[in-house]
N, C-alpha and C. Protein backbone atom coordinates (compact mmCIF):
# COMPACT_ATOMS: atom_id res chain seq x y z
N MET A 1 99.21 -132.85 131.77
CA MET A 1 99.81 -133.95 132.42
C MET A 1 99.34 -133.94 133.88
N ALA A 2 98.99 -135.10 134.37
CA ALA A 2 98.49 -135.19 135.75
C ALA A 2 99.61 -135.06 136.75
N GLU A 3 99.30 -134.45 137.91
CA GLU A 3 100.30 -134.31 138.94
C GLU A 3 100.60 -135.60 139.57
N LYS A 4 101.94 -135.90 139.81
CA LYS A 4 102.29 -137.08 140.36
C LYS A 4 101.98 -137.09 141.87
N ARG A 5 101.23 -138.14 142.28
CA ARG A 5 100.94 -138.31 143.71
C ARG A 5 102.01 -138.98 144.41
N PRO A 6 102.33 -138.56 145.66
CA PRO A 6 103.39 -139.25 146.48
C PRO A 6 102.96 -140.64 146.84
N ASP A 7 103.91 -141.57 146.83
CA ASP A 7 103.60 -142.90 147.17
C ASP A 7 103.38 -143.07 148.70
N ARG A 8 102.88 -144.20 149.09
CA ARG A 8 102.47 -144.41 150.52
C ARG A 8 103.77 -144.33 151.41
N ARG A 9 104.85 -144.88 150.96
CA ARG A 9 106.12 -144.79 151.79
C ARG A 9 106.59 -143.32 152.02
N THR A 10 106.41 -142.50 150.97
CA THR A 10 106.80 -141.16 151.17
C THR A 10 105.83 -140.41 152.15
N ILE A 11 104.56 -140.73 152.09
CA ILE A 11 103.62 -140.10 152.92
C ILE A 11 103.92 -140.58 154.39
N LYS A 12 104.15 -141.87 154.54
CA LYS A 12 104.44 -142.39 155.89
C LYS A 12 105.72 -141.79 156.52
N THR A 13 106.73 -141.62 155.69
CA THR A 13 107.98 -140.99 156.13
C THR A 13 107.77 -139.57 156.52
N LYS A 14 107.03 -138.79 155.70
CA LYS A 14 106.76 -137.38 155.98
C LYS A 14 105.96 -137.24 157.28
N ASN A 15 104.94 -138.15 157.44
CA ASN A 15 104.20 -138.15 158.67
C ASN A 15 104.96 -138.41 159.87
N ALA A 16 105.96 -139.39 159.79
CA ALA A 16 106.88 -139.67 160.92
C ALA A 16 107.70 -138.49 161.27
N ILE A 17 108.14 -137.80 160.22
CA ILE A 17 108.93 -136.56 160.51
C ILE A 17 108.11 -135.53 161.17
N PHE A 18 106.90 -135.31 160.58
CA PHE A 18 105.98 -134.31 161.24
C PHE A 18 105.64 -134.57 162.63
N THR A 19 105.42 -135.83 162.93
CA THR A 19 105.10 -136.26 164.30
C THR A 19 106.32 -136.04 165.22
N ALA A 20 107.44 -136.43 164.76
CA ALA A 20 108.62 -136.26 165.59
C ALA A 20 108.94 -134.73 165.77
N LEU A 21 108.74 -133.97 164.77
CA LEU A 21 108.90 -132.50 164.95
C LEU A 21 107.95 -131.93 165.97
N ALA A 22 106.66 -132.31 165.84
CA ALA A 22 105.60 -131.85 166.76
C ALA A 22 105.88 -132.27 168.18
N GLU A 23 106.35 -133.52 168.42
CA GLU A 23 106.61 -134.04 169.74
C GLU A 23 107.81 -133.27 170.36
N LEU A 24 108.80 -132.98 169.53
CA LEU A 24 109.90 -132.21 170.01
C LEU A 24 109.52 -130.79 170.32
N MET A 25 108.70 -130.17 169.45
CA MET A 25 108.24 -128.77 169.71
C MET A 25 107.44 -128.62 170.92
N ALA A 26 106.75 -129.68 171.35
CA ALA A 26 105.99 -129.63 172.60
C ALA A 26 106.94 -129.53 173.84
N GLU A 27 108.21 -129.87 173.55
CA GLU A 27 109.18 -129.94 174.61
C GLU A 27 110.12 -128.71 174.59
N LYS A 28 110.44 -128.18 173.41
CA LYS A 28 111.40 -127.07 173.28
C LYS A 28 111.12 -126.31 172.04
N GLU A 29 111.71 -125.14 171.97
CA GLU A 29 111.48 -124.22 170.86
C GLU A 29 112.11 -124.78 169.59
N LEU A 30 111.56 -124.42 168.47
CA LEU A 30 111.99 -124.89 167.16
C LEU A 30 113.47 -124.64 166.92
N ARG A 31 113.93 -123.46 167.34
CA ARG A 31 115.31 -123.09 167.13
C ARG A 31 116.28 -123.99 167.85
N HIS A 32 115.82 -124.69 168.85
CA HIS A 32 116.69 -125.64 169.57
C HIS A 32 116.60 -127.09 169.18
N ILE A 33 115.87 -127.27 168.06
CA ILE A 33 115.72 -128.70 167.53
C ILE A 33 116.64 -128.87 166.29
N THR A 34 117.28 -129.99 166.30
CA THR A 34 118.21 -130.26 165.20
C THR A 34 117.59 -131.35 164.32
N VAL A 35 118.11 -131.45 163.05
CA VAL A 35 117.72 -132.51 162.12
C VAL A 35 118.01 -133.85 162.74
N GLN A 36 119.13 -133.95 163.49
CA GLN A 36 119.42 -135.18 164.14
C GLN A 36 118.39 -135.62 165.14
N ASP A 37 117.90 -134.57 165.93
CA ASP A 37 116.88 -134.85 166.96
C ASP A 37 115.59 -135.42 166.25
N ILE A 38 115.23 -134.84 165.18
CA ILE A 38 114.00 -135.34 164.42
C ILE A 38 114.30 -136.70 163.81
N SER A 39 115.49 -136.88 163.26
CA SER A 39 115.85 -138.18 162.62
C SER A 39 115.79 -139.32 163.74
N ASP A 40 116.41 -139.03 164.86
CA ASP A 40 116.43 -140.06 165.91
C ASP A 40 115.04 -140.36 166.37
N LYS A 41 114.21 -139.27 166.61
CA LYS A 41 112.78 -139.61 167.09
C LYS A 41 111.93 -140.28 166.05
N ALA A 42 112.14 -139.96 164.75
CA ALA A 42 111.33 -140.56 163.71
C ALA A 42 111.90 -141.91 163.22
N ASP A 43 113.12 -142.26 163.75
CA ASP A 43 113.83 -143.45 163.42
C ASP A 43 114.04 -143.53 161.91
N ILE A 44 114.69 -142.45 161.45
CA ILE A 44 115.08 -142.39 160.03
C ILE A 44 116.51 -141.86 160.01
N HIS A 45 117.12 -141.95 158.85
CA HIS A 45 118.43 -141.40 158.57
C HIS A 45 118.35 -139.90 158.30
N ARG A 46 119.32 -139.17 158.67
CA ARG A 46 119.38 -137.69 158.24
C ARG A 46 119.16 -137.49 156.79
N VAL A 47 119.70 -138.34 155.97
CA VAL A 47 119.66 -138.23 154.52
C VAL A 47 118.17 -138.28 154.07
N THR A 48 117.46 -139.18 154.74
CA THR A 48 115.98 -139.32 154.50
C THR A 48 115.26 -138.05 154.75
N PHE A 49 115.68 -137.41 155.87
CA PHE A 49 115.01 -136.09 156.23
C PHE A 49 115.18 -135.13 155.01
N TYR A 50 116.52 -135.02 154.56
CA TYR A 50 116.80 -134.05 153.54
C TYR A 50 116.24 -134.42 152.11
N LYS A 51 115.79 -135.62 152.01
CA LYS A 51 115.09 -136.04 150.74
C LYS A 51 113.72 -135.32 150.67
N HIS A 52 113.24 -135.03 151.76
CA HIS A 52 111.83 -134.49 151.84
C HIS A 52 111.77 -132.94 152.18
N PHE A 53 112.80 -132.46 152.88
CA PHE A 53 112.77 -131.10 153.44
C PHE A 53 114.20 -130.47 153.35
N MET A 54 114.13 -129.17 153.08
CA MET A 54 115.45 -128.40 152.98
C MET A 54 116.08 -128.36 154.39
N ASP A 55 115.29 -128.08 155.32
CA ASP A 55 115.66 -127.91 156.72
C ASP A 55 114.49 -128.06 157.64
N ILE A 56 114.72 -127.81 158.94
CA ILE A 56 113.65 -127.96 159.98
C ILE A 56 112.58 -126.90 159.70
N TYR A 57 112.87 -125.76 159.27
CA TYR A 57 111.97 -124.67 159.10
C TYR A 57 111.07 -125.00 157.89
N ASP A 58 111.62 -125.63 156.93
CA ASP A 58 110.77 -126.09 155.78
C ASP A 58 109.77 -127.22 156.20
N ALA A 59 110.23 -128.10 157.05
CA ALA A 59 109.33 -129.11 157.54
C ALA A 59 108.20 -128.44 158.37
N TYR A 60 108.58 -127.52 159.21
CA TYR A 60 107.56 -126.79 159.99
C TYR A 60 106.59 -126.04 159.10
N GLU A 61 107.08 -125.39 158.09
CA GLU A 61 106.17 -124.61 157.22
C GLU A 61 105.25 -125.57 156.43
N GLN A 62 105.73 -126.72 155.98
CA GLN A 62 104.86 -127.63 155.32
C GLN A 62 103.80 -128.21 156.30
N LEU A 63 104.19 -128.50 157.52
CA LEU A 63 103.26 -129.02 158.46
C LEU A 63 102.20 -127.81 158.78
N THR A 64 102.65 -126.64 158.93
CA THR A 64 101.72 -125.48 159.12
C THR A 64 100.72 -125.41 158.01
N LYS A 65 101.15 -125.48 156.75
CA LYS A 65 100.25 -125.37 155.66
C LYS A 65 99.14 -126.48 155.68
N ILE A 66 99.59 -127.70 155.95
CA ILE A 66 98.64 -128.82 156.04
C ILE A 66 97.60 -128.57 157.10
N ILE A 67 98.03 -128.16 158.28
CA ILE A 67 97.06 -127.93 159.38
C ILE A 67 96.18 -126.78 159.06
N LEU A 68 96.65 -125.66 158.56
CA LEU A 68 95.83 -124.54 158.24
C LEU A 68 94.81 -124.90 157.12
N SER A 69 95.26 -125.63 156.19
CA SER A 69 94.42 -126.07 155.06
C SER A 69 93.28 -127.01 155.55
N ASP A 70 93.62 -127.95 156.33
CA ASP A 70 92.65 -128.88 156.91
C ASP A 70 91.61 -128.15 157.80
N VAL A 71 92.08 -127.35 158.63
CA VAL A 71 91.18 -126.60 159.48
C VAL A 71 90.34 -125.56 158.66
N GLY A 72 90.94 -124.99 157.69
CA GLY A 72 90.15 -124.08 156.77
C GLY A 72 89.02 -124.76 156.09
N ILE A 73 89.25 -125.99 155.67
CA ILE A 73 88.19 -126.73 155.02
C ILE A 73 87.02 -127.03 156.02
N LEU A 74 87.41 -127.41 157.24
CA LEU A 74 86.37 -127.63 158.28
C LEU A 74 85.65 -126.32 158.55
N LEU A 75 86.32 -125.20 158.63
CA LEU A 75 85.59 -123.99 158.89
C LEU A 75 84.67 -123.58 157.75
N THR A 76 85.04 -123.86 156.55
CA THR A 76 84.11 -123.41 155.42
C THR A 76 82.80 -124.15 155.46
N GLN A 77 82.74 -125.31 156.19
CA GLN A 77 81.53 -126.10 156.35
C GLN A 77 80.69 -125.65 157.63
N HIS A 78 81.23 -124.64 158.35
CA HIS A 78 80.59 -124.25 159.59
C HIS A 78 79.12 -123.90 159.45
N ASP A 79 78.74 -123.09 158.49
CA ASP A 79 77.39 -122.61 158.41
C ASP A 79 76.44 -123.74 157.94
N GLU A 80 77.00 -124.87 157.43
CA GLU A 80 76.11 -125.98 157.00
C GLU A 80 75.81 -126.89 158.11
N LYS A 81 76.40 -126.67 159.32
CA LYS A 81 76.25 -127.64 160.41
C LYS A 81 75.67 -126.93 161.61
N SER A 82 75.06 -127.67 162.53
CA SER A 82 74.72 -127.26 163.81
C SER A 82 76.01 -126.96 164.56
N PRO A 83 75.94 -126.07 165.66
CA PRO A 83 77.21 -125.89 166.41
C PRO A 83 77.72 -127.21 167.02
N THR A 84 76.82 -128.11 167.40
CA THR A 84 77.29 -129.38 168.04
C THR A 84 78.02 -130.19 167.01
N LYS A 85 77.48 -130.30 165.75
CA LYS A 85 78.14 -131.11 164.72
C LYS A 85 79.56 -130.41 164.36
N PHE A 86 79.50 -129.08 164.30
CA PHE A 86 80.75 -128.35 163.94
C PHE A 86 81.83 -128.68 164.96
N TYR A 87 81.48 -128.59 166.27
CA TYR A 87 82.46 -128.86 167.33
C TYR A 87 82.92 -130.25 167.32
N TYR A 88 82.00 -131.19 167.08
CA TYR A 88 82.45 -132.59 166.90
C TYR A 88 83.52 -132.82 165.89
N ASP A 89 83.21 -132.12 164.68
CA ASP A 89 84.19 -132.25 163.58
C ASP A 89 85.56 -131.66 163.95
N ILE A 90 85.47 -130.44 164.48
CA ILE A 90 86.74 -129.82 164.88
C ILE A 90 87.47 -130.59 165.95
N LEU A 91 86.77 -131.03 166.98
CA LEU A 91 87.44 -131.78 168.02
C LEU A 91 87.89 -133.19 167.60
N ASN A 92 87.22 -133.75 166.60
CA ASN A 92 87.68 -135.03 166.10
C ASN A 92 88.99 -134.85 165.30
N TYR A 93 89.08 -133.79 164.57
CA TYR A 93 90.30 -133.52 163.75
C TYR A 93 91.44 -133.26 164.77
N MET A 94 91.12 -132.44 165.79
CA MET A 94 92.19 -132.09 166.75
C MET A 94 92.64 -133.31 167.60
N SER A 95 91.71 -134.19 167.91
CA SER A 95 92.10 -135.38 168.74
C SER A 95 92.84 -136.34 167.83
N GLU A 96 92.48 -136.56 166.57
CA GLU A 96 93.22 -137.38 165.67
C GLU A 96 94.58 -136.90 165.43
N HIS A 97 94.81 -135.62 165.53
CA HIS A 97 96.09 -134.99 165.29
C HIS A 97 96.58 -134.33 166.62
N SER A 98 96.29 -134.97 167.69
CA SER A 98 96.60 -134.29 168.98
C SER A 98 98.05 -133.93 169.14
N VAL A 99 98.94 -134.74 168.55
CA VAL A 99 100.36 -134.48 168.70
C VAL A 99 100.74 -133.08 168.08
N TYR A 100 100.06 -132.70 167.00
CA TYR A 100 100.26 -131.44 166.30
C TYR A 100 99.64 -130.33 167.21
N PHE A 101 98.48 -130.59 167.82
CA PHE A 101 97.83 -129.50 168.63
C PHE A 101 98.57 -129.35 169.96
N LYS A 102 99.21 -130.38 170.51
CA LYS A 102 100.00 -130.23 171.63
C LYS A 102 101.14 -129.34 171.36
N MET A 103 101.67 -129.44 170.15
CA MET A 103 102.77 -128.59 169.71
C MET A 103 102.22 -127.11 169.60
N ILE A 104 101.06 -126.97 169.04
CA ILE A 104 100.46 -125.63 168.79
C ILE A 104 100.23 -125.00 170.14
N PHE A 105 99.68 -125.72 171.13
CA PHE A 105 99.24 -125.11 172.37
C PHE A 105 100.44 -125.17 173.36
N SER A 106 101.57 -125.69 173.04
CA SER A 106 102.68 -125.75 173.95
C SER A 106 103.25 -124.38 174.21
N PRO A 107 103.79 -124.10 175.42
CA PRO A 107 104.41 -122.80 175.68
C PRO A 107 105.72 -122.62 174.85
N HIS A 108 106.16 -123.68 174.31
CA HIS A 108 107.49 -123.67 173.56
C HIS A 108 107.22 -123.34 172.09
N ASN A 109 106.03 -123.29 171.66
CA ASN A 109 105.71 -123.01 170.29
C ASN A 109 106.04 -121.55 169.99
N THR A 110 106.43 -121.31 168.72
CA THR A 110 106.73 -119.99 168.30
C THR A 110 105.54 -119.12 168.24
N SER A 111 104.38 -119.69 168.45
CA SER A 111 103.05 -118.97 168.38
C SER A 111 102.63 -118.55 167.04
N ARG A 112 103.44 -118.58 166.04
CA ARG A 112 103.04 -118.15 164.68
C ARG A 112 101.88 -118.98 164.18
N LEU A 113 101.98 -120.32 164.31
CA LEU A 113 100.88 -121.20 163.91
C LEU A 113 99.60 -121.01 164.77
N TYR A 114 99.84 -120.85 166.06
CA TYR A 114 98.67 -120.58 166.97
C TYR A 114 98.02 -119.29 166.48
N GLN A 115 98.78 -118.21 166.25
CA GLN A 115 98.17 -116.96 165.82
C GLN A 115 97.48 -117.08 164.54
N ASN A 116 98.09 -117.82 163.58
CA ASN A 116 97.42 -118.06 162.25
C ASN A 116 96.12 -118.78 162.37
N LEU A 117 96.10 -119.80 163.30
CA LEU A 117 94.83 -120.56 163.50
C LEU A 117 93.75 -119.62 164.13
N LEU A 118 94.24 -118.82 165.08
CA LEU A 118 93.34 -117.88 165.80
C LEU A 118 92.75 -116.94 164.74
N LYS A 119 93.60 -116.34 163.93
CA LYS A 119 93.09 -115.42 162.83
C LYS A 119 92.11 -116.11 161.91
N LEU A 120 92.40 -117.41 161.57
CA LEU A 120 91.48 -118.20 160.65
C LEU A 120 90.13 -118.32 161.31
N PHE A 121 90.11 -118.72 162.65
CA PHE A 121 88.81 -118.94 163.25
C PHE A 121 88.11 -117.52 163.47
N ILE A 122 88.85 -116.56 163.80
CA ILE A 122 88.19 -115.20 163.95
C ILE A 122 87.64 -114.72 162.63
N GLY A 123 88.39 -114.93 161.54
CA GLY A 123 87.89 -114.50 160.27
C GLY A 123 86.63 -115.22 159.80
N TYR A 124 86.62 -116.49 159.98
CA TYR A 124 85.47 -117.30 159.63
C TYR A 124 84.19 -117.01 160.52
N GLU A 125 84.54 -116.87 161.84
CA GLU A 125 83.46 -116.47 162.77
C GLU A 125 82.86 -115.11 162.39
N GLY A 126 83.75 -114.19 162.01
CA GLY A 126 83.33 -112.86 161.54
C GLY A 126 82.38 -112.95 160.40
N LEU A 127 82.76 -113.75 159.36
CA LEU A 127 81.90 -113.88 158.21
C LEU A 127 80.59 -114.54 158.62
N PHE A 128 80.66 -115.58 159.40
CA PHE A 128 79.49 -116.29 159.76
C PHE A 128 78.46 -115.37 160.55
N LEU A 129 78.98 -114.64 161.54
CA LEU A 129 78.13 -113.78 162.32
C LEU A 129 77.72 -112.50 161.56
N SER A 130 78.46 -112.04 160.65
CA SER A 130 78.09 -110.90 159.88
C SER A 130 76.94 -111.25 158.94
N GLU A 131 76.91 -112.40 158.44
CA GLU A 131 75.76 -112.92 157.67
C GLU A 131 74.54 -113.00 158.49
N GLN A 132 74.73 -113.52 159.74
CA GLN A 132 73.57 -113.72 160.65
C GLN A 132 72.95 -112.39 161.14
N PHE A 133 73.82 -111.46 161.47
CA PHE A 133 73.32 -110.22 162.12
C PHE A 133 73.21 -109.06 161.16
N GLY A 134 73.75 -109.19 159.94
CA GLY A 134 73.57 -108.20 158.87
C GLY A 134 74.58 -106.99 158.98
N PRO A 135 74.62 -106.25 157.90
CA PRO A 135 75.64 -105.13 157.80
C PRO A 135 75.51 -103.95 158.78
N ASP A 136 74.27 -103.82 159.32
CA ASP A 136 73.98 -102.71 160.18
C ASP A 136 74.35 -102.97 161.61
N TYR A 137 74.82 -104.11 161.96
CA TYR A 137 75.11 -104.48 163.30
C TYR A 137 76.37 -103.78 163.68
N PRO A 138 76.48 -103.21 164.91
CA PRO A 138 77.71 -102.46 165.31
C PRO A 138 78.95 -103.33 165.27
N GLU A 139 79.83 -102.93 164.35
CA GLU A 139 81.05 -103.70 164.13
C GLU A 139 81.97 -103.87 165.35
N SER A 140 81.98 -102.77 166.19
CA SER A 140 82.85 -102.89 167.42
C SER A 140 82.34 -103.90 168.33
N VAL A 141 80.98 -104.09 168.50
CA VAL A 141 80.43 -105.07 169.39
C VAL A 141 80.75 -106.49 168.86
N LEU A 142 80.43 -106.63 167.52
CA LEU A 142 80.65 -107.90 166.86
C LEU A 142 82.17 -108.33 166.96
N THR A 143 83.11 -107.41 166.71
CA THR A 143 84.52 -107.73 166.75
C THR A 143 84.97 -108.13 168.17
N CYS A 144 84.50 -107.47 169.12
CA CYS A 144 84.86 -107.78 170.58
C CYS A 144 84.27 -109.14 170.92
N ALA A 145 83.03 -109.39 170.52
CA ALA A 145 82.40 -110.70 170.88
C ALA A 145 83.12 -111.80 170.17
N ILE A 146 83.51 -111.64 168.88
CA ILE A 146 84.11 -112.69 168.21
C ILE A 146 85.47 -113.06 168.79
N ARG A 147 86.28 -112.04 169.18
CA ARG A 147 87.59 -112.29 169.75
C ARG A 147 87.44 -112.98 171.07
N TYR A 148 86.46 -112.46 171.85
CA TYR A 148 86.22 -113.19 173.19
C TYR A 148 85.84 -114.57 172.97
N HIS A 149 84.93 -114.77 172.12
CA HIS A 149 84.43 -116.17 171.88
C HIS A 149 85.49 -117.12 171.35
N VAL A 150 86.18 -116.72 170.38
CA VAL A 150 87.20 -117.59 169.72
C VAL A 150 88.37 -117.81 170.71
N ASN A 151 88.81 -116.83 171.46
CA ASN A 151 89.86 -117.00 172.40
C ASN A 151 89.38 -117.91 173.51
N GLY A 152 88.12 -117.77 173.95
CA GLY A 152 87.61 -118.63 174.98
C GLY A 152 87.56 -120.09 174.51
N CYS A 153 87.07 -120.32 173.27
CA CYS A 153 86.98 -121.67 172.76
C CYS A 153 88.43 -122.22 172.66
N PHE A 154 89.37 -121.49 172.25
CA PHE A 154 90.77 -121.92 172.15
C PHE A 154 91.29 -122.30 173.49
N ALA A 155 90.92 -121.53 174.55
CA ALA A 155 91.45 -121.87 175.88
C ALA A 155 90.84 -123.24 176.36
N VAL A 156 89.59 -123.42 176.10
CA VAL A 156 88.92 -124.71 176.51
C VAL A 156 89.59 -125.84 175.72
N ILE A 157 89.73 -125.71 174.48
CA ILE A 157 90.24 -126.77 173.60
C ILE A 157 91.74 -127.00 173.90
N ALA A 158 92.53 -125.98 174.18
CA ALA A 158 93.92 -126.16 174.58
C ALA A 158 94.03 -126.88 175.81
N ASP A 159 93.21 -126.64 176.84
CA ASP A 159 93.27 -127.39 178.06
C ASP A 159 92.92 -128.80 177.83
N TRP A 160 91.87 -129.04 176.98
CA TRP A 160 91.53 -130.43 176.72
C TRP A 160 92.64 -131.21 175.99
N ILE A 161 93.30 -130.56 175.09
CA ILE A 161 94.40 -131.22 174.30
C ILE A 161 95.59 -131.47 175.30
N MET A 162 95.92 -130.42 176.06
CA MET A 162 97.14 -130.53 176.90
C MET A 162 96.94 -131.47 178.09
N THR A 163 95.70 -131.82 178.42
CA THR A 163 95.45 -132.77 179.52
C THR A 163 95.14 -134.19 178.85
N ASP A 164 95.69 -134.44 177.68
CA ASP A 164 95.48 -135.71 176.93
C ASP A 164 94.00 -136.16 176.82
N LEU A 165 93.13 -135.23 176.43
CA LEU A 165 91.79 -135.45 176.15
C LEU A 165 91.10 -136.07 177.36
N GLU A 166 91.47 -135.55 178.58
CA GLU A 166 90.97 -136.11 179.80
C GLU A 166 89.48 -136.11 179.91
N GLN A 167 88.85 -135.07 179.55
CA GLN A 167 87.37 -134.93 179.51
C GLN A 167 86.80 -135.59 178.37
N PRO A 168 85.65 -136.23 178.40
CA PRO A 168 85.05 -136.78 177.23
C PRO A 168 84.73 -135.73 176.18
N ARG A 169 84.93 -136.04 174.94
CA ARG A 169 84.67 -135.11 173.84
C ARG A 169 83.23 -134.52 173.97
N GLU A 170 82.27 -135.37 174.33
CA GLU A 170 80.88 -134.91 174.35
C GLU A 170 80.69 -133.77 175.44
N TYR A 171 81.46 -133.88 176.54
CA TYR A 171 81.40 -132.81 177.54
C TYR A 171 81.90 -131.54 176.94
N ILE A 172 83.03 -131.54 176.19
CA ILE A 172 83.64 -130.32 175.63
C ILE A 172 82.71 -129.77 174.59
N VAL A 173 82.16 -130.59 173.71
CA VAL A 173 81.24 -130.19 172.75
C VAL A 173 79.99 -129.47 173.38
N LYS A 174 79.42 -130.10 174.36
CA LYS A 174 78.34 -129.50 175.02
C LYS A 174 78.67 -128.20 175.69
N MET A 175 79.84 -128.09 176.35
CA MET A 175 80.25 -126.82 176.92
C MET A 175 80.38 -125.72 175.90
N LEU A 176 81.08 -126.03 174.82
CA LEU A 176 81.31 -125.04 173.74
C LEU A 176 79.95 -124.59 173.15
N SER A 177 79.08 -125.62 172.89
CA SER A 177 77.75 -125.30 172.32
C SER A 177 76.95 -124.40 173.21
N GLU A 178 77.02 -124.69 174.47
CA GLU A 178 76.26 -123.85 175.43
C GLU A 178 76.81 -122.35 175.56
N LEU A 179 78.14 -122.28 175.46
CA LEU A 179 78.79 -120.97 175.48
C LEU A 179 78.40 -120.19 174.22
N ASP A 180 78.25 -120.90 173.08
CA ASP A 180 77.82 -120.31 171.82
C ASP A 180 76.35 -119.65 172.04
N LYS A 181 75.51 -120.39 172.69
CA LYS A 181 74.12 -119.90 172.92
C LYS A 181 74.17 -118.58 173.65
N ASN A 182 75.06 -118.50 174.70
CA ASN A 182 75.25 -117.33 175.47
C ASN A 182 75.75 -116.14 174.68
N ILE A 183 76.77 -116.39 173.83
CA ILE A 183 77.39 -115.25 173.11
C ILE A 183 76.29 -114.81 172.09
N TYR A 184 75.59 -115.72 171.45
CA TYR A 184 74.60 -115.30 170.46
C TYR A 184 73.38 -114.50 171.17
N ALA A 185 73.07 -114.93 172.36
CA ALA A 185 72.05 -114.24 173.09
C ALA A 185 72.51 -112.77 173.42
N TYR A 186 73.78 -112.66 173.77
CA TYR A 186 74.33 -111.35 174.13
C TYR A 186 74.32 -110.51 172.79
N LEU A 187 74.78 -111.08 171.70
CA LEU A 187 74.76 -110.30 170.42
C LEU A 187 73.37 -109.92 170.05
N ARG A 188 72.37 -110.76 170.15
CA ARG A 188 71.02 -110.37 169.85
C ARG A 188 70.54 -109.22 170.83
N SER A 189 70.87 -109.28 172.04
CA SER A 189 70.52 -108.19 172.99
C SER A 189 71.14 -106.83 172.61
N GLN A 190 72.20 -106.79 171.83
CA GLN A 190 72.85 -105.63 171.47
C GLN A 190 72.41 -104.95 170.18
N GLN A 191 71.53 -105.70 169.50
CA GLN A 191 70.96 -105.15 168.19
C GLN A 191 70.23 -103.96 168.47
N THR A 192 70.40 -102.99 167.50
CA THR A 192 69.63 -101.69 167.64
C THR A 192 68.39 -101.65 166.85
């Protein structure tokens, strides 16, 4: 039996709830948000919220799974693309969903989603660079470089998101691509 797909009205309502939740989390911690806050911001009735989610934490968990899944798909295509194309795709996704990424990069966030995204990027970067540099490459150097690189990219992207995409996307892509060249040059210089 085929799985029943949600109708457009359900998708629209859930997206309104996710957007309201993200906007509120950019302003305050999850534990200080109520279902009524979300309902008011999403312009829905509380009963409608409970048709889709058990509670606020359920809504947050579902949103988290969607974001991690979407980003995971983009990351699996990393080695098929040039760094410039890869960064365009990542930044396009983040700008299209900037309300979610403002929540993620907000100081009010629980940081669990931020940490999970960071781990996801570090994991994929580790696989990508391990393939490029081979199994004999010093793991401590690779691990340190990956953490430095991913955290640096996150800092640049967070600043871009939190300043409402003030800088042109092309500028951010060029900067990140240039930083990639520097990190790869460093890693090549450390090969034994």
